[in-house]
Amino acid sequence: MISMPGGWEWIVIGIIVFIVFGKKLPNTMKSLGRTVANFRQGMKGVEEEIKDVKEIKDDIDTITKLKIG
């Protein structure tokens, strides 16, 4: 079975990544940070839209009940 790397193994992996990507690593991390921030902002927008749709649905349900009742 293959298991998750332990403490020393993560250090070795980190050193190898640092050697391979060296100069590109800061730009890569900056890009990754921006991507995560954009994703979170997008998710927040989706949550707000869902909330708005639920409010509109509740308003429609209320108006429909008033006309019928």
PDB file of N, CA and C in Angstrom:
ATOM      1  N   MET A   1       0.828  -1.191   0.000  1.00  0.00           N
ATOM      2  CA  MET A   1       0.000   0.000   0.000  1.00  0.00           C
ATOM      3  C   MET A   1       0.872   1.254   0.000  1.00  0.00           C
ATOM      4  N   ILE A   2       0.374   2.266  -0.650  1.00  0.00           N
ATOM      5  CA  ILE A   2       1.061   3.555  -0.665  1.00  0.00           C
ATOM      6  C   ILE A   2       0.371   4.454   0.351  1.00  0.00           C
ATOM      7  N   SER A   3       1.175   5.073   1.220  1.00  0.00           N
ATOM      8  CA  SER A   3       0.591   5.955   2.231  1.00  0.00           C
ATOM      9  C   SER A   3       1.042   7.387   1.992  1.00  0.00           C
ATOM     10  N   MET A   4       0.462   8.317   2.739  1.00  0.00           N
ATOM     11  CA  MET A   4       0.833   9.728   2.649  1.00  0.00           C
ATOM     12  C   MET A   4       2.260   9.909   3.158  1.00  0.00           C
ATOM     13  N   PRO A   5       2.991  10.846   2.540  1.00  0.00           N
ATOM     14  CA  PRO A   5       4.364  11.099   3.007  1.00  0.00           C
ATOM     15  C   PRO A   5       4.380  11.619   4.445  1.00  0.00           C
ATOM     16  N   GLY A   6       5.422  11.271   5.172  1.00  0.00           N
ATOM     17  CA  GLY A   6       5.593  11.730   6.545  1.00  0.00           C
ATOM     18  C   GLY A   6       6.351  13.049   6.577  1.00  0.00           C
ATOM     19  N   GLY A   7       6.785  13.461   7.763  1.00  0.00           N
ATOM     20  CA  GLY A   7       7.450  14.742   7.955  1.00  0.00           C
ATOM     21  C   GLY A   7       8.702  14.931   7.128  1.00  0.00           C
ATOM     22  N   TRP A   8       9.657  13.982   7.237  1.00  0.00           N
ATOM     23  CA  TRP A   8      10.917  14.103   6.500  1.00  0.00           C
ATOM     24  C   TRP A   8      10.682  14.012   5.000  1.00  0.00           C
ATOM     25  N   GLU A   9       9.747  13.196   4.612  1.00  0.00           N
ATOM     26  CA  GLU A   9       9.462  13.043   3.187  1.00  0.00           C
ATOM     27  C   GLU A   9       8.942  14.344   2.594  1.00  0.00           C
ATOM     28  N   TRP A  10       8.099  15.072   3.345  1.00  0.00           N
ATOM     29  CA  TRP A  10       7.601  16.373   2.878  1.00  0.00           C
ATOM     30  C   TRP A  10       8.747  17.382   2.742  1.00  0.00           C
ATOM     31  N   ILE A  11       9.707  17.309   3.659  1.00  0.00           N
ATOM     32  CA  ILE A  11      10.859  18.208   3.580  1.00  0.00           C
ATOM     33  C   ILE A  11      11.669  17.913   2.318  1.00  0.00           C
ATOM     34  N   VAL A  12      11.901  16.644   2.031  1.00  0.00           N
ATOM     35  CA  VAL A  12      12.643  16.257   0.827  1.00  0.00           C
ATOM     36  C   VAL A  12      11.878  16.693  -0.423  1.00  0.00           C
ATOM     37  N   ILE A  13      10.579  16.479  -0.446  1.00  0.00           N
ATOM     38  CA  ILE A  13       9.756  16.907  -1.582  1.00  0.00           C
ATOM     39  C   ILE A  13       9.849  18.423  -1.754  1.00  0.00           C
ATOM     40  N   GLY A  14       9.782  19.164  -0.650  1.00  0.00           N
ATOM     41  CA  GLY A  14       9.892  20.624  -0.707  1.00  0.00           C
ATOM     42  C   GLY A  14      11.218  21.079  -1.268  1.00  0.00           C
ATOM     43  N   ILE A  15      12.301  20.432  -0.859  1.00  0.00           N
ATOM     44  CA  ILE A  15      13.634  20.784  -1.367  1.00  0.00           C
ATOM     45  C   ILE A  15      13.727  20.505  -2.866  1.00  0.00           C
ATOM     46  N   ILE A  16      13.191  19.371  -3.284  1.00  0.00           N
ATOM     47  CA  ILE A  16      13.215  19.033  -4.716  1.00  0.00           C
ATOM     48  C   ILE A  16      12.407  20.057  -5.517  1.00  0.00           C
ATOM     49  N   VAL A  17      11.234  20.416  -5.022  1.00  0.00           N
ATOM     50  CA  VAL A  17      10.409  21.421  -5.706  1.00  0.00           C
ATOM     51  C   VAL A  17      11.152  22.751  -5.777  1.00  0.00           C
ATOM     52  N   PHE A  18      11.797  23.126  -4.684  1.00  0.00           N
ATOM     53  CA  PHE A  18      12.549  24.389  -4.657  1.00  0.00           C
ATOM     54  C   PHE A  18      13.696  24.370  -5.666  1.00  0.00           C
ATOM     55  N   ILE A  19      14.377  23.245  -5.780  1.00  0.00           N
ATOM     56  CA  ILE A  19      15.492  23.130  -6.731  1.00  0.00           C
ATOM     57  C   ILE A  19      14.973  23.194  -8.170  1.00  0.00           C
ATOM     58  N   VAL A  20      13.874  22.494  -8.433  1.00  0.00           N
ATOM     59  CA  VAL A  20      13.344  22.429  -9.798  1.00  0.00           C
ATOM     60  C   VAL A  20      12.765  23.774 -10.227  1.00  0.00           C
ATOM     61  N   PHE A  21      11.956  24.396  -9.353  1.00  0.00           N
ATOM     62  CA  PHE A  21      11.255  25.617  -9.740  1.00  0.00           C
ATOM     63  C   PHE A  21      11.993  26.890  -9.332  1.00  0.00           C
ATOM     64  N   GLY A  22      12.891  26.811  -8.365  1.00  0.00           N
ATOM     65  CA  GLY A  22      13.736  27.903  -7.910  1.00  0.00           C
ATOM     66  C   GLY A  22      13.226  29.303  -8.151  1.00  0.00           C
ATOM     67  N   LYS A  23      13.603  29.895  -9.277  1.00  0.00           N
ATOM     68  CA  LYS A  23      13.269  31.284  -9.579  1.00  0.00           C
ATOM     69  C   LYS A  23      11.785  31.480  -9.884  1.00  0.00           C
ATOM     70  N   LYS A  24      11.110  30.455 -10.364  1.00  0.00           N
ATOM     71  CA  LYS A  24       9.712  30.567 -10.734  1.00  0.00           C
ATOM     72  C   LYS A  24       8.770  30.416  -9.536  1.00  0.00           C
ATOM     73  N   LEU A  25       9.279  29.913  -8.430  1.00  0.00           N
ATOM     74  CA  LEU A  25       8.438  29.602  -7.277  1.00  0.00           C
ATOM     75  C   LEU A  25       7.684  30.815  -6.722  1.00  0.00           C
ATOM     76  N   PRO A  26       8.312  31.984  -6.522  1.00  0.00           N
ATOM     77  CA  PRO A  26       7.565  33.135  -6.006  1.00  0.00           C
ATOM     78  C   PRO A  26       6.412  33.554  -6.929  1.00  0.00           C
ATOM     79  N   ASN A  27       6.672  33.575  -8.232  1.00  0.00           N
ATOM     80  CA  ASN A  27       5.608  33.935  -9.174  1.00  0.00           C
ATOM     81  C   ASN A  27       4.497  32.893  -9.199  1.00  0.00           C
ATOM     82  N   THR A  28       4.881  31.639  -9.073  1.00  0.00           N
ATOM     83  CA  THR A  28       3.894  30.568  -9.045  1.00  0.00           C
ATOM     84  C   THR A  28       3.011  30.674  -7.809  1.00  0.00           C
ATOM     85  N   MET A  29       3.608  30.949  -6.668  1.00  0.00           N
ATOM     86  CA  MET A  29       2.840  31.089  -5.432  1.00  0.00           C
ATOM     87  C   MET A  29       1.922  32.319  -5.486  1.00  0.00           C
ATOM     88  N   LYS A  30       2.408  33.410  -6.072  1.00  0.00           N
ATOM     89  CA  LYS A  30       1.592  34.614  -6.218  1.00  0.00           C
ATOM     90  C   LYS A  30       0.381  34.315  -7.104  1.00  0.00           C
ATOM     91  N   SER A  31       0.626  33.615  -8.183  1.00  0.00           N
ATOM     92  CA  SER A  31      -0.455  33.245  -9.099  1.00  0.00           C
ATOM     93  C   SER A  31      -1.461  32.324  -8.415  1.00  0.00           C
ATOM     94  N   LEU A  32      -0.956  31.379  -7.637  1.00  0.00           N
ATOM     95  CA  LEU A  32      -1.833  30.468  -6.905  1.00  0.00           C
ATOM     96  C   LEU A  32      -2.682  31.229  -5.889  1.00  0.00           C
ATOM     97  N   GLY A  33      -2.079  32.185  -5.195  1.00  0.00           N
ATOM     98  CA  GLY A  33      -2.819  32.996  -4.230  1.00  0.00           C
ATOM     99  C   GLY A  33      -3.924  33.801  -4.892  1.00  0.00           C
ATOM    100  N   ARG A  34      -3.626  34.391  -6.039  1.00  0.00           N
ATOM    101  CA  ARG A  34      -4.643  35.154  -6.773  1.00  0.00           C
ATOM    102  C   ARG A  34      -5.778  34.249  -7.235  1.00  0.00           C
ATOM    103  N   THR A  35      -5.422  33.052  -7.685  1.00  0.00           N
ATOM    104  CA  THR A  35      -6.433  32.107  -8.142  1.00  0.00           C
ATOM    105  C   THR A  35      -7.372  31.721  -7.009  1.00  0.00           C
ATOM    106  N   VAL A  36      -6.816  31.440  -5.841  1.00  0.00           N
ATOM    107  CA  VAL A  36      -7.637  31.073  -4.686  1.00  0.00           C
ATOM    108  C   VAL A  36      -8.527  32.242  -4.281  1.00  0.00           C
ATOM    109  N   ALA A  37      -7.983  33.471  -4.281  1.00  0.00           N
ATOM    110  CA  ALA A  37      -8.774  34.650  -3.927  1.00  0.00           C
ATOM    111  C   ALA A  37      -9.914  34.859  -4.914  1.00  0.00           C
ATOM    112  N   ASN A  38      -9.645  34.702  -6.196  1.00  0.00           N
ATOM    113  CA  ASN A  38     -10.693  34.843  -7.208  1.00  0.00           C
ATOM    114  C   ASN A  38     -11.764  33.772  -7.057  1.00  0.00           C
ATOM    115  N   PHE A  39     -11.341  32.559  -6.741  1.00  0.00           N
ATOM    116  CA  PHE A  39     -12.303  31.474  -6.547  1.00  0.00           C
ATOM    117  C   PHE A  39     -13.225  31.769  -5.367  1.00  0.00           C
ATOM    118  N   ARG A  40     -12.643  32.223  -4.253  1.00  0.00           N
ATOM    119  CA  ARG A  40     -13.457  32.555  -3.077  1.00  0.00           C
ATOM    120  C   ARG A  40     -14.422  33.693  -3.376  1.00  0.00           C
ATOM    121  N   GLN A  41     -13.944  34.700  -4.118  1.00  0.00           N
ATOM    122  CA  GLN A  41     -14.799  35.832  -4.469  1.00  0.00           C
ATOM    123  C   GLN A  41     -15.953  35.350  -5.361  1.00  0.00           C
ATOM    124  N   GLY A  42     -15.655  34.464  -6.293  1.00  0.00           N
ATOM    125  CA  GLY A  42     -16.689  33.904  -7.153  1.00  0.00           C
ATOM    126  C   GLY A  42     -17.710  33.108  -6.370  1.00  0.00           C
ATOM    127  N   MET A  43     -17.248  32.331  -5.410  1.00  0.00           N
ATOM    128  CA  MET A  43     -18.171  31.548  -4.581  1.00  0.00           C
ATOM    129  C   MET A  43     -19.066  32.467  -3.756  1.00  0.00           C
ATOM    130  N   LYS A  44     -18.516  33.571  -3.264  1.00  0.00           N
ATOM    131  CA  LYS A  44     -19.310  34.523  -2.496  1.00  0.00           C
ATOM    132  C   LYS A  44     -20.397  35.119  -3.380  1.00  0.00           C
ATOM    133  N   GLY A  45     -20.058  35.419  -4.633  1.00  0.00           N
ATOM    134  CA  GLY A  45     -21.043  35.949  -5.567  1.00  0.00           C
ATOM    135  C   GLY A  45     -22.160  34.959  -5.831  1.00  0.00           C
ATOM    136  N   VAL A  46     -21.813  33.691  -5.955  1.00  0.00           N
ATOM    137  CA  VAL A  46     -22.817  32.647  -6.185  1.00  0.00           C
ATOM    138  C   VAL A  46     -23.739  32.534  -4.975  1.00  0.00           C
ATOM    139  N   GLU A  47     -23.173  32.581  -3.773  1.00  0.00           N
ATOM    140  CA  GLU A  47     -23.987  32.495  -2.565  1.00  0.00           C
ATOM    141  C   GLU A  47     -24.964  33.665  -2.481  1.00  0.00           C
ATOM    142  N   GLU A  48     -24.519  34.872  -2.860  1.00  0.00           N
ATOM    143  CA  GLU A  48     -25.403  36.041  -2.843  1.00  0.00           C
ATOM    144  C   GLU A  48     -26.525  35.896  -3.864  1.00  0.00           C
ATOM    145  N   GLU A  49     -26.210  35.352  -5.041  1.00  0.00           N
ATOM    146  CA  GLU A  49     -27.240  35.143  -6.058  1.00  0.00           C
ATOM    147  C   GLU A  49     -28.272  34.121  -5.591  1.00  0.00           C
ATOM    148  N   ILE A  50     -27.829  33.059  -4.947  1.00  0.00           N
ATOM    149  CA  ILE A  50     -28.757  32.054  -4.422  1.00  0.00           C
ATOM    150  C   ILE A  50     -29.674  32.683  -3.385  1.00  0.00           C
ATOM    151  N   LYS A  51     -29.120  33.520  -2.521  1.00  0.00           N
ATOM    152  CA  LYS A  51     -29.908  34.204  -1.506  1.00  0.00           C
ATOM    153  C   LYS A  51     -30.953  35.102  -2.163  1.00  0.00           C
ATOM    154  N   ASP A  52     -30.556  35.844  -3.205  1.00  0.00           N
ATOM    155  CA  ASP A  52     -31.483  36.721  -3.914  1.00  0.00           C
ATOM    156  C   ASP A  52     -32.619  35.932  -4.561  1.00  0.00           C
ATOM    157  N   VAL A  53     -32.280  34.797  -5.165  1.00  0.00           N
ATOM    158  CA  VAL A  53     -33.292  33.964  -5.818  1.00  0.00           C
ATOM    159  C   VAL A  53     -34.271  33.421  -4.783  1.00  0.00           C
ATOM    160  N   LYS A  54     -33.783  33.021  -3.615  1.00  0.00           N
ATOM    161  CA  LYS A  54     -34.673  32.522  -2.565  1.00  0.00           C
ATOM    162  C   LYS A  54     -35.617  33.617  -2.088  1.00  0.00           C
ATOM    163  N   GLU A  55     -35.118  34.848  -1.964  1.00  0.00           N
ATOM    164  CA  GLU A  55     -35.968  35.960  -1.549  1.00  0.00           C
ATOM    165  C   GLU A  55     -37.047  36.236  -2.584  1.00  0.00           C
ATOM    166  N   ILE A  56     -36.672  36.202  -3.863  1.00  0.00           N
ATOM    167  CA  ILE A  56     -37.654  36.423  -4.930  1.00  0.00           C
ATOM    168  C   ILE A  56     -38.698  35.322  -4.925  1.00  0.00           C
ATOM    169  N   LYS A  57     -38.268  34.079  -4.726  1.00  0.00           N
ATOM    170  CA  LYS A  57     -39.214  32.957  -4.682  1.00  0.00           C
ATOM    171  C   LYS A  57     -40.183  33.126  -3.517  1.00  0.00           C
ATOM    172  N   ASP A  58     -39.664  33.530  -2.361  1.00  0.00           N
ATOM    173  CA  ASP A  58     -40.536  33.754  -1.208  1.00  0.00           C
ATOM    174  C   ASP A  58     -41.544  34.865  -1.489  1.00  0.00           C
ATOM    175  N   ASP A  59     -41.095  35.935  -2.163  1.00  0.00           N
ATOM    176  CA  ASP A  59     -42.003  37.022  -2.523  1.00  0.00           C
ATOM    177  C   ASP A  59     -43.090  36.541  -3.471  1.00  0.00           C
ATOM    178  N   ILE A  60     -42.712  35.727  -4.456  1.00  0.00           N
ATOM    179  CA  ILE A  60     -43.691  35.195  -5.406  1.00  0.00           C
ATOM    180  C   ILE A  60     -44.676  34.293  -4.692  1.00  0.00           C
ATOM    181  N   ASP A  61     -44.197  33.444  -3.790  1.00  0.00           N
ATOM    182  CA  ASP A  61     -45.087  32.567  -3.029  1.00  0.00           C
ATOM    183  C   ASP A  61     -46.068  33.386  -2.192  1.00  0.00           C
ATOM    184  N   THR A  62     -45.590  34.464  -1.569  1.00  0.00           N
ATOM    185  CA  THR A  62     -46.454  35.316  -0.751  1.00  0.00           C
ATOM    186  C   THR A  62     -47.520  35.981  -1.609  1.00  0.00           C
ATOM    187  N   ILE A  63     -47.140  36.514  -2.764  1.00  0.00           N
ATOM    188  CA  ILE A  63     -48.094  37.185  -3.653  1.00  0.00           C
ATOM    189  C   ILE A  63     -49.118  36.184  -4.165  1.00  0.00           C
ATOM    190  N   THR A  64     -48.689  34.986  -4.521  1.00  0.00           N
ATOM    191  CA  THR A  64     -49.606  33.958  -5.028  1.00  0.00           C
ATOM    192  C   THR A  64     -50.612  33.567  -3.949  1.00  0.00           C
ATOM    193  N   LYS A  65     -50.171  33.422  -2.727  1.00  0.00           N
ATOM    194  CA  LYS A  65     -51.078  33.053  -1.636  1.00  0.00           C
ATOM    195  C   LYS A  65     -52.090  34.156  -1.380  1.00  0.00           C
ATOM    196  N   LEU A  66     -51.681  35.398  -1.484  1.00  0.00           N
ATOM    197  CA  LEU A  66     -52.603  36.518  -1.252  1.00  0.00           C
ATOM    198  C   LEU A  66     -53.679  36.573  -2.325  1.00  0.00           C
ATOM    199  N   LYS A  67     -53.336  36.306  -3.574  1.00  0.00           N
ATOM    200  CA  LYS A  67     -54.321  36.349  -4.657  1.00  0.00           C
ATOM    201  C   LYS A  67     -55.312  35.192  -4.576  1.00  0.00           C
ATOM    202  N   ILE A  68     -54.813  34.026  -4.190  1.00  0.00           N
ATOM    203  CA  ILE A  68     -55.666  32.843  -4.109  1.00  0.00           C
ATOM    204  C   ILE A  68     -56.546  32.897  -2.870  1.00  0.00           C
ATOM    205  N   GLY A  69     -55.958  33.280  -1.749  1.00  0.00           N
ATOM    206  CA  GLY A  69     -56.659  33.253  -0.463  1.00  0.00           C
ATOM    207  C   GLY A  69     -57.542  34.380  -0.308  1.00  0.00           C
TER     208      GLY A  69
END
